[in-house]
Amino acid sequence: MDYNEHITRDPNVCGGEPVIKGTRVTLRTILASLAEGSAIQEILQDFPTLSEEDVRAAIAFAATSAQDDLPAPGLPNVA
C-alpha cells in the first residue's frame, strides 16, 4: 500500500503532525486507538471522515517508520 496517497504533513494543520488527507485526524490518534484495542470498525465509527484504507495507511506508515527507526542488528562478537 502506498500510504502517501492517504497521509500528509502540513505545518498549518495539527502542528505539522502527519494526518489523513482532508482531515485533522492524526496518525497518532489512529495508532493510539489501535493500541488500546479498538477495532478498525470502531475507529471508523468514531471518525466517520475516515475510510478503512485510511486506517490501513496509518498502520503501513507506522510499520515503515518503525523499520527505519530500529537499529540494525550488530555483527556477532567472535572471540
PDB file of N, CA and C in Angstrom:
ATOM      1  N   MET A   1       0.842  -1.186   0.000  1.00  0.00           N
ATOM      2  CA  MET A   1       0.000   0.000   0.000  1.00  0.00           C
ATOM      3  C   MET A   1       0.879   1.237   0.000  1.00  0.00           C
ATOM      4  N   ASP A   2       0.523   2.188  -0.846  1.00  0.00           N
ATOM      5  CA  ASP A   2       1.230   3.464  -0.862  1.00  0.00           C
ATOM      6  C   ASP A   2       0.522   4.418   0.103  1.00  0.00           C
ATOM      7  N   TYR A   3       1.023   4.472   1.324  1.00  0.00           N
ATOM      8  CA  TYR A   3       0.364   5.292   2.348  1.00  0.00           C
ATOM      9  C   TYR A   3       0.435   6.780   2.022  1.00  0.00           C
ATOM     10  N   ASN A   4       1.337   7.174   1.147  1.00  0.00           N
ATOM     11  CA  ASN A   4       1.455   8.594   0.791  1.00  0.00           C
ATOM     12  C   ASN A   4       0.194   9.136   0.121  1.00  0.00           C
ATOM     13  N   GLU A   5      -0.618   8.258  -0.444  1.00  0.00           N
ATOM     14  CA  GLU A   5      -1.876   8.696  -1.050  1.00  0.00           C
ATOM     15  C   GLU A   5      -2.892   9.122   0.013  1.00  0.00           C
ATOM     16  N   HIS A   6      -2.674   8.709   1.256  1.00  0.00           N
ATOM     17  CA  HIS A   6      -3.642   8.950   2.331  1.00  0.00           C
ATOM     18  C   HIS A   6      -3.137   9.914   3.403  1.00  0.00           C
ATOM     19  N   ILE A   7      -1.828  10.120   3.452  1.00  0.00           N
ATOM     20  CA  ILE A   7      -1.235  10.847   4.576  1.00  0.00           C
ATOM     21  C   ILE A   7      -0.527  12.099   4.086  1.00  0.00           C
ATOM     22  N   THR A   8      -0.630  13.151   4.888  1.00  0.00           N
ATOM     23  CA  THR A   8       0.057  14.401   4.557  1.00  0.00           C
ATOM     24  C   THR A   8       0.572  15.048   5.836  1.00  0.00           C
ATOM     25  N   ARG A   9       1.533  15.931   5.656  1.00  0.00           N
ATOM     26  CA  ARG A   9       2.035  16.785   6.742  1.00  0.00           C
ATOM     27  C   ARG A   9       1.969  18.215   6.253  1.00  0.00           C
ATOM     28  N   ASP A  10       1.389  19.056   7.057  1.00  0.00           N
ATOM     29  CA  ASP A  10       1.278  20.479   6.724  1.00  0.00           C
ATOM     30  C   ASP A  10       1.530  21.244   8.012  1.00  0.00           C
ATOM     31  N   PRO A  11       2.517  22.135   8.023  1.00  0.00           N
ATOM     32  CA  PRO A  11       2.809  22.864   9.257  1.00  0.00           C
ATOM     33  C   PRO A  11       1.623  23.674   9.778  1.00  0.00           C
ATOM     34  N   ASN A  12       0.637  23.943   8.931  1.00  0.00           N
ATOM     35  CA  ASN A  12      -0.538  24.705   9.346  1.00  0.00           C
ATOM     36  C   ASN A  12      -1.688  23.827   9.826  1.00  0.00           C
ATOM     37  N   VAL A  13      -1.503  22.512   9.794  1.00  0.00           N
ATOM     38  CA  VAL A  13      -2.547  21.576  10.237  1.00  0.00           C
ATOM     39  C   VAL A  13      -1.968  20.705  11.345  1.00  0.00           C
ATOM     40  N   CYS A  14      -2.559  20.789  12.512  1.00  0.00           N
ATOM     41  CA  CYS A  14      -2.154  19.970  13.665  1.00  0.00           C
ATOM     42  C   CYS A  14      -0.652  20.064  13.950  1.00  0.00           C
ATOM     43  N   GLY A  15      -0.109  21.255  13.788  1.00  0.00           N
ATOM     44  CA  GLY A  15       1.301  21.467  14.108  1.00  0.00           C
ATOM     45  C   GLY A  15       2.270  20.687  13.248  1.00  0.00           C
ATOM     46  N   GLY A  16       1.830  20.247  12.076  1.00  0.00           N
ATOM     47  CA  GLY A  16       2.717  19.512  11.181  1.00  0.00           C
ATOM     48  C   GLY A  16       2.754  18.014  11.426  1.00  0.00           C
ATOM     49  N   GLU A  17       1.944  17.541  12.380  1.00  0.00           N
ATOM     50  CA  GLU A  17       1.875  16.090  12.595  1.00  0.00           C
ATOM     51  C   GLU A  17       1.268  15.427  11.362  1.00  0.00           C
ATOM     52  N   PRO A  18       1.651  14.194  11.079  1.00  0.00           N
ATOM     53  CA  PRO A  18       1.018  13.509   9.948  1.00  0.00           C
ATOM     54  C   PRO A  18      -0.463  13.282  10.224  1.00  0.00           C
ATOM     55  N   VAL A  19      -1.279  13.610   9.232  1.00  0.00           N
ATOM     56  CA  VAL A  19      -2.733  13.453   9.328  1.00  0.00           C
ATOM     57  C   VAL A  19      -3.233  12.749   8.074  1.00  0.00           C
ATOM     58  N   ILE A  20      -4.452  12.238   8.159  1.00  0.00           N
ATOM     59  CA  ILE A  20      -5.104  11.694   6.984  1.00  0.00           C
ATOM     60  C   ILE A  20      -5.529  12.879   6.116  1.00  0.00           C
ATOM     61  N   LYS A  21      -5.207  12.811   4.829  1.00  0.00           N
ATOM     62  CA  LYS A  21      -5.517  13.909   3.909  1.00  0.00           C
ATOM     63  C   LYS A  21      -6.984  14.302   3.993  1.00  0.00           C
ATOM     64  N   GLY A  22      -7.230  15.592   3.999  1.00  0.00           N
ATOM     65  CA  GLY A  22      -8.582  16.122   4.022  1.00  0.00           C
ATOM     66  C   GLY A  22      -9.235  16.106   5.385  1.00  0.00           C
ATOM     67  N   THR A  23      -8.467  15.696   6.426  1.00  0.00           N
ATOM     68  CA  THR A  23      -8.999  15.659   7.788  1.00  0.00           C
ATOM     69  C   THR A  23      -7.995  16.305   8.730  1.00  0.00           C
ATOM     70  N   ARG A  24      -8.378  16.359   9.983  1.00  0.00           N
ATOM     71  CA  ARG A  24      -7.465  16.766  11.043  1.00  0.00           C
ATOM     72  C   ARG A  24      -7.233  15.585  11.990  1.00  0.00           C
ATOM     73  N   VAL A  25      -7.461  14.384  11.495  1.00  0.00           N
ATOM     74  CA  VAL A  25      -7.254  13.174  12.297  1.00  0.00           C
ATOM     75  C   VAL A  25      -5.792  12.772  12.153  1.00  0.00           C
ATOM     76  N   THR A  26      -5.084  12.790  13.274  1.00  0.00           N
ATOM     77  CA  THR A  26      -3.652  12.476  13.242  1.00  0.00           C
ATOM     78  C   THR A  26      -3.430  10.973  13.235  1.00  0.00           C
ATOM     79  N   LEU A  27      -2.293  10.591  12.688  1.00  0.00           N
ATOM     80  CA  LEU A  27      -1.921   9.179  12.732  1.00  0.00           C
ATOM     81  C   LEU A  27      -1.740   8.734  14.174  1.00  0.00           C
ATOM     82  N   ARG A  28      -1.238   9.624  15.010  1.00  0.00           N
ATOM     83  CA  ARG A  28      -1.055   9.310  16.422  1.00  0.00           C
ATOM     84  C   ARG A  28      -2.383   8.899  17.058  1.00  0.00           C
ATOM     85  N   THR A  29      -3.464   9.594  16.707  1.00  0.00           N
ATOM     86  CA  THR A  29      -4.788   9.266  17.245  1.00  0.00           C
ATOM     87  C   THR A  29      -5.235   7.887  16.786  1.00  0.00           C
ATOM     88  N   ILE A  30      -5.065   7.615  15.496  1.00  0.00           N
ATOM     89  CA  ILE A  30      -5.467   6.316  14.954  1.00  0.00           C
ATOM     90  C   ILE A  30      -4.659   5.191  15.595  1.00  0.00           C
ATOM     91  N   LEU A  31      -3.350   5.358  15.665  1.00  0.00           N
ATOM     92  CA  LEU A  31      -2.487   4.313  16.212  1.00  0.00           C
ATOM     93  C   LEU A  31      -2.726   4.110  17.703  1.00  0.00           C
ATOM     94  N   ALA A  32      -3.005   5.186  18.425  1.00  0.00           N
ATOM     95  CA  ALA A  32      -3.306   5.050  19.856  1.00  0.00           C
ATOM     96  C   ALA A  32      -4.606   4.268  20.044  1.00  0.00           C
ATOM     97  N   SER A  33      -5.584   4.525  19.198  1.00  0.00           N
ATOM     98  CA  SER A  33      -6.843   3.782  19.290  1.00  0.00           C
ATOM     99  C   SER A  33      -6.615   2.297  19.030  1.00  0.00           C
ATOM    100  N   LEU A  34      -5.808   1.990  18.030  1.00  0.00           N
ATOM    101  CA  LEU A  34      -5.494   0.584  17.751  1.00  0.00           C
ATOM    102  C   LEU A  34      -4.743  -0.052  18.917  1.00  0.00           C
ATOM    103  N   ALA A  35      -3.795   0.689  19.481  1.00  0.00           N
ATOM    104  CA  ALA A  35      -3.015   0.164  20.602  1.00  0.00           C
ATOM    105  C   ALA A  35      -3.883  -0.110  21.821  1.00  0.00           C
ATOM    106  N   GLU A  36      -4.952   0.680  21.982  1.00  0.00           N
ATOM    107  CA  GLU A  36      -5.867   0.470  23.107  1.00  0.00           C
ATOM    108  C   GLU A  36      -6.840  -0.672  22.853  1.00  0.00           C
ATOM    109  N   GLY A  37      -6.777  -1.247  21.643  1.00  0.00           N
ATOM    110  CA  GLY A  37      -7.616  -2.402  21.347  1.00  0.00           C
ATOM    111  C   GLY A  37      -8.829  -2.120  20.492  1.00  0.00           C
ATOM    112  N   SER A  38      -8.964  -0.904  20.006  1.00  0.00           N
ATOM    113  CA  SER A  38     -10.106  -0.578  19.142  1.00  0.00           C
ATOM    114  C   SER A  38      -9.974  -1.315  17.812  1.00  0.00           C
ATOM    115  N   ALA A  39     -11.080  -1.826  17.323  1.00  0.00           N
ATOM    116  CA  ALA A  39     -11.116  -2.441  16.003  1.00  0.00           C
ATOM    117  C   ALA A  39     -11.236  -1.337  14.955  1.00  0.00           C
ATOM    118  N   ILE A  40     -10.858  -1.655  13.736  1.00  0.00           N
ATOM    119  CA  ILE A  40     -10.947  -0.667  12.666  1.00  0.00           C
ATOM    120  C   ILE A  40     -12.362  -0.125  12.561  1.00  0.00           C
ATOM    121  N   GLN A  41     -13.361  -0.982  12.676  1.00  0.00           N
ATOM    122  CA  GLN A  41     -14.751  -0.530  12.565  1.00  0.00           C
ATOM    123  C   GLN A  41     -15.114   0.472  13.661  1.00  0.00           C
ATOM    124  N   GLU A  42     -14.558   0.282  14.855  1.00  0.00           N
ATOM    125  CA  GLU A  42     -14.807   1.242  15.938  1.00  0.00           C
ATOM    126  C   GLU A  42     -14.183   2.600  15.613  1.00  0.00           C
ATOM    127  N   ILE A  43     -12.989   2.575  15.047  1.00  0.00           N
ATOM    128  CA  ILE A  43     -12.315   3.825  14.684  1.00  0.00           C
ATOM    129  C   ILE A  43     -13.124   4.545  13.599  1.00  0.00           C
ATOM    130  N   LEU A  44     -13.642   3.777  12.655  1.00  0.00           N
ATOM    131  CA  LEU A  44     -14.442   4.375  11.586  1.00  0.00           C
ATOM    132  C   LEU A  44     -15.730   4.979  12.138  1.00  0.00           C
ATOM    133  N   GLN A  45     -16.277   4.386  13.169  1.00  0.00           N
ATOM    134  CA  GLN A  45     -17.472   4.952  13.800  1.00  0.00           C
ATOM    135  C   GLN A  45     -17.122   6.245  14.541  1.00  0.00           C
ATOM    136  N   ASP A  46     -15.966   6.247  15.205  1.00  0.00           N
ATOM    137  CA  ASP A  46     -15.543   7.433  15.954  1.00  0.00           C
ATOM    138  C   ASP A  46     -15.135   8.586  15.025  1.00  0.00           C
ATOM    139  N   PHE A  47     -14.608   8.242  13.848  1.00  0.00           N
ATOM    140  CA  PHE A  47     -14.124   9.238  12.889  1.00  0.00           C
ATOM    141  C   PHE A  47     -14.726   8.941  11.524  1.00  0.00           C
ATOM    142  N   PRO A  48     -15.972   9.356  11.301  1.00  0.00           N
ATOM    143  CA  PRO A  48     -16.671   8.996  10.062  1.00  0.00           C
ATOM    144  C   PRO A  48     -16.050   9.569   8.783  1.00  0.00           C
ATOM    145  N   THR A  49     -15.114  10.498   8.913  1.00  0.00           N
ATOM    146  CA  THR A  49     -14.451  11.024   7.716  1.00  0.00           C
ATOM    147  C   THR A  49     -13.373  10.072   7.199  1.00  0.00           C
ATOM    148  N   LEU A  50     -13.042   9.048   7.991  1.00  0.00           N
ATOM    149  CA  LEU A  50     -12.002   8.092   7.599  1.00  0.00           C
ATOM    150  C   LEU A  50     -12.592   6.923   6.836  1.00  0.00           C
ATOM    151  N   SER A  51     -11.729   6.294   6.038  1.00  0.00           N
ATOM    152  CA  SER A  51     -12.079   5.047   5.372  1.00  0.00           C
ATOM    153  C   SER A  51     -11.183   3.944   5.951  1.00  0.00           C
ATOM    154  N   GLU A  52     -11.554   2.717   5.669  1.00  0.00           N
ATOM    155  CA  GLU A  52     -10.720   1.600   6.129  1.00  0.00           C
ATOM    156  C   GLU A  52      -9.324   1.713   5.520  1.00  0.00           C
ATOM    157  N   GLU A  53      -9.227   2.157   4.288  1.00  0.00           N
ATOM    158  CA  GLU A  53      -7.917   2.336   3.647  1.00  0.00           C
ATOM    159  C   GLU A  53      -7.074   3.380   4.383  1.00  0.00           C
ATOM    160  N   ASP A  54      -7.722   4.421   4.911  1.00  0.00           N
ATOM    161  CA  ASP A  54      -7.000   5.431   5.688  1.00  0.00           C
ATOM    162  C   ASP A  54      -6.361   4.807   6.922  1.00  0.00           C
ATOM    163  N   VAL A  55      -7.128   3.970   7.620  1.00  0.00           N
ATOM    164  CA  VAL A  55      -6.606   3.321   8.829  1.00  0.00           C
ATOM    165  C   VAL A  55      -5.471   2.380   8.459  1.00  0.00           C
ATOM    166  N   ARG A  56      -5.638   1.638   7.399  1.00  0.00           N
ATOM    167  CA  ARG A  56      -4.575   0.726   6.959  1.00  0.00           C
ATOM    168  C   ARG A  56      -3.330   1.498   6.515  1.00  0.00           C
ATOM    169  N   ALA A  57      -3.527   2.677   5.948  1.00  0.00           N
ATOM    170  CA  ALA A  57      -2.388   3.525   5.575  1.00  0.00           C
ATOM    171  C   ALA A  57      -1.631   3.979   6.824  1.00  0.00           C
ATOM    172  N   ALA A  58      -2.357   4.287   7.888  1.00  0.00           N
ATOM    173  CA  ALA A  58      -1.710   4.673   9.148  1.00  0.00           C
ATOM    174  C   ALA A  58      -0.862   3.527   9.689  1.00  0.00           C
ATOM    175  N   ILE A  59      -1.380   2.312   9.585  1.00  0.00           N
ATOM    176  CA  ILE A  59      -0.635   1.131  10.040  1.00  0.00           C
ATOM    177  C   ILE A  59       0.609   0.941   9.179  1.00  0.00           C
ATOM    178  N   ALA A  60       0.469   1.080   7.862  1.00  0.00           N
ATOM    179  CA  ALA A  60       1.609   0.924   6.951  1.00  0.00           C
ATOM    180  C   ALA A  60       2.671   1.976   7.226  1.00  0.00           C
ATOM    181  N   PHE A  61       2.237   3.213   7.476  1.00  0.00           N
ATOM    182  CA  PHE A  61       3.162   4.291   7.798  1.00  0.00           C
ATOM    183  C   PHE A  61       3.944   3.953   9.069  1.00  0.00           C
ATOM    184  N   ALA A  62       3.231   3.477  10.096  1.00  0.00           N
ATOM    185  CA  ALA A  62       3.878   3.143  11.365  1.00  0.00           C
ATOM    186  C   ALA A  62       4.866   1.994  11.185  1.00  0.00           C
ATOM    187  N   ALA A  63       4.491   1.006  10.389  1.00  0.00           N
ATOM    188  CA  ALA A  63       5.382  -0.127  10.165  1.00  0.00           C
ATOM    189  C   ALA A  63       6.656   0.320   9.456  1.00  0.00           C
ATOM    190  N   THR A  64       6.514   1.167   8.467  1.00  0.00           N
ATOM    191  CA  THR A  64       7.685   1.681   7.744  1.00  0.00           C
ATOM    192  C   THR A  64       8.541   2.547   8.658  1.00  0.00           C
ATOM    193  N   SER A  65       7.901   3.388   9.448  1.00  0.00           N
ATOM    194  CA  SER A  65       8.648   4.256  10.365  1.00  0.00           C
ATOM    195  C   SER A  65       9.398   3.435  11.407  1.00  0.00           C
ATOM    196  N   ALA A  66       8.764   2.404  11.916  1.00  0.00           N
ATOM    197  CA  ALA A  66       9.421   1.554  12.919  1.00  0.00           C
ATOM    198  C   ALA A  66      10.619   0.843  12.316  1.00  0.00           C
ATOM    199  N   GLN A  67      10.468   0.396  11.091  1.00  0.00           N
ATOM    200  CA  GLN A  67      11.568  -0.290  10.426  1.00  0.00           C
ATOM    201  C   GLN A  67      12.748   0.658  10.241  1.00  0.00           C
ATOM    202  N   ASP A  68      12.454   1.911   9.881  1.00  0.00           N
ATOM    203  CA  ASP A  68      13.510   2.896   9.684  1.00  0.00           C
ATOM    204  C   ASP A  68      14.189   3.279  10.997  1.00  0.00           C
ATOM    205  N   ASP A  69      13.447   3.226  12.114  1.00  0.00           N
ATOM    206  CA  ASP A  69      13.981   3.664  13.399  1.00  0.00           C
ATOM    207  C   ASP A  69      14.690   2.563  14.182  1.00  0.00           C
ATOM    208  N   LEU A  70      14.452   1.296  13.837  1.00  0.00           N
ATOM    209  CA  LEU A  70      15.072   0.213  14.585  1.00  0.00           C
ATOM    210  C   LEU A  70      16.539   0.128  14.241  1.00  0.00           C
ATOM    211  N   PRO A  71      17.379  -0.074  15.246  1.00  0.00           N
ATOM    212  CA  PRO A  71      18.813  -0.211  14.949  1.00  0.00           C
ATOM    213  C   PRO A  71      19.066  -1.498  14.178  1.00  0.00           C
ATOM    214  N   ALA A  72      20.040  -1.429  13.302  1.00  0.00           N
ATOM    215  CA  ALA A  72      20.420  -2.636  12.556  1.00  0.00           C
ATOM    216  C   ALA A  72      21.040  -3.630  13.520  1.00  0.00           C
ATOM    217  N   PRO A  73      20.752  -4.911  13.314  1.00  0.00           N
ATOM    218  CA  PRO A  73      21.371  -5.905  14.191  1.00  0.00           C
ATOM    219  C   PRO A  73      22.886  -5.856  14.045  1.00  0.00           C
ATOM    220  N   GLY A  74      23.556  -5.989  15.168  1.00  0.00           N
ATOM    221  CA  GLY A  74      25.020  -5.951  15.156  1.00  0.00           C
ATOM    222  C   GLY A  74      25.593  -7.272  14.680  1.00  0.00           C
ATOM    223  N   LEU A  75      26.842  -7.206  14.320  1.00  0.00           N
ATOM    224  CA  LEU A  75      27.532  -8.432  13.931  1.00  0.00           C
ATOM    225  C   LEU A  75      27.844  -9.240  15.182  1.00  0.00           C
ATOM    226  N   PRO A  76      27.819 -10.560  15.051  1.00  0.00           N
ATOM    227  CA  PRO A  76      28.130 -11.368  16.232  1.00  0.00           C
ATOM    228  C   PRO A  76      29.569 -11.105  16.712  1.00  0.00           C
ATOM    229  N   ASN A  77      29.737 -11.152  17.999  1.00  0.00           N
ATOM    230  CA  ASN A  77      31.036 -10.943  18.598  1.00  0.00           C
ATOM    231  C   ASN A  77      31.803 -12.278  18.554  1.00  0.00           C
ATOM    232  N   VAL A  78      32.776 -12.341  17.718  1.00  0.00           N
ATOM    233  CA  VAL A  78      33.565 -13.572  17.574  1.00  0.00           C
ATOM    234  C   VAL A  78      34.875 -13.362  18.333  1.00  0.00           C
ATOM    235  N   ALA A  79      35.068 -14.212  19.322  1.00  0.00           N
ATOM    236  CA  ALA A  79      36.280 -14.052  20.133  1.00  0.00           C
ATOM    237  C   ALA A  79      37.292 -15.113  19.819  1.00  0.00           C
TER     238      ALA A  79
END
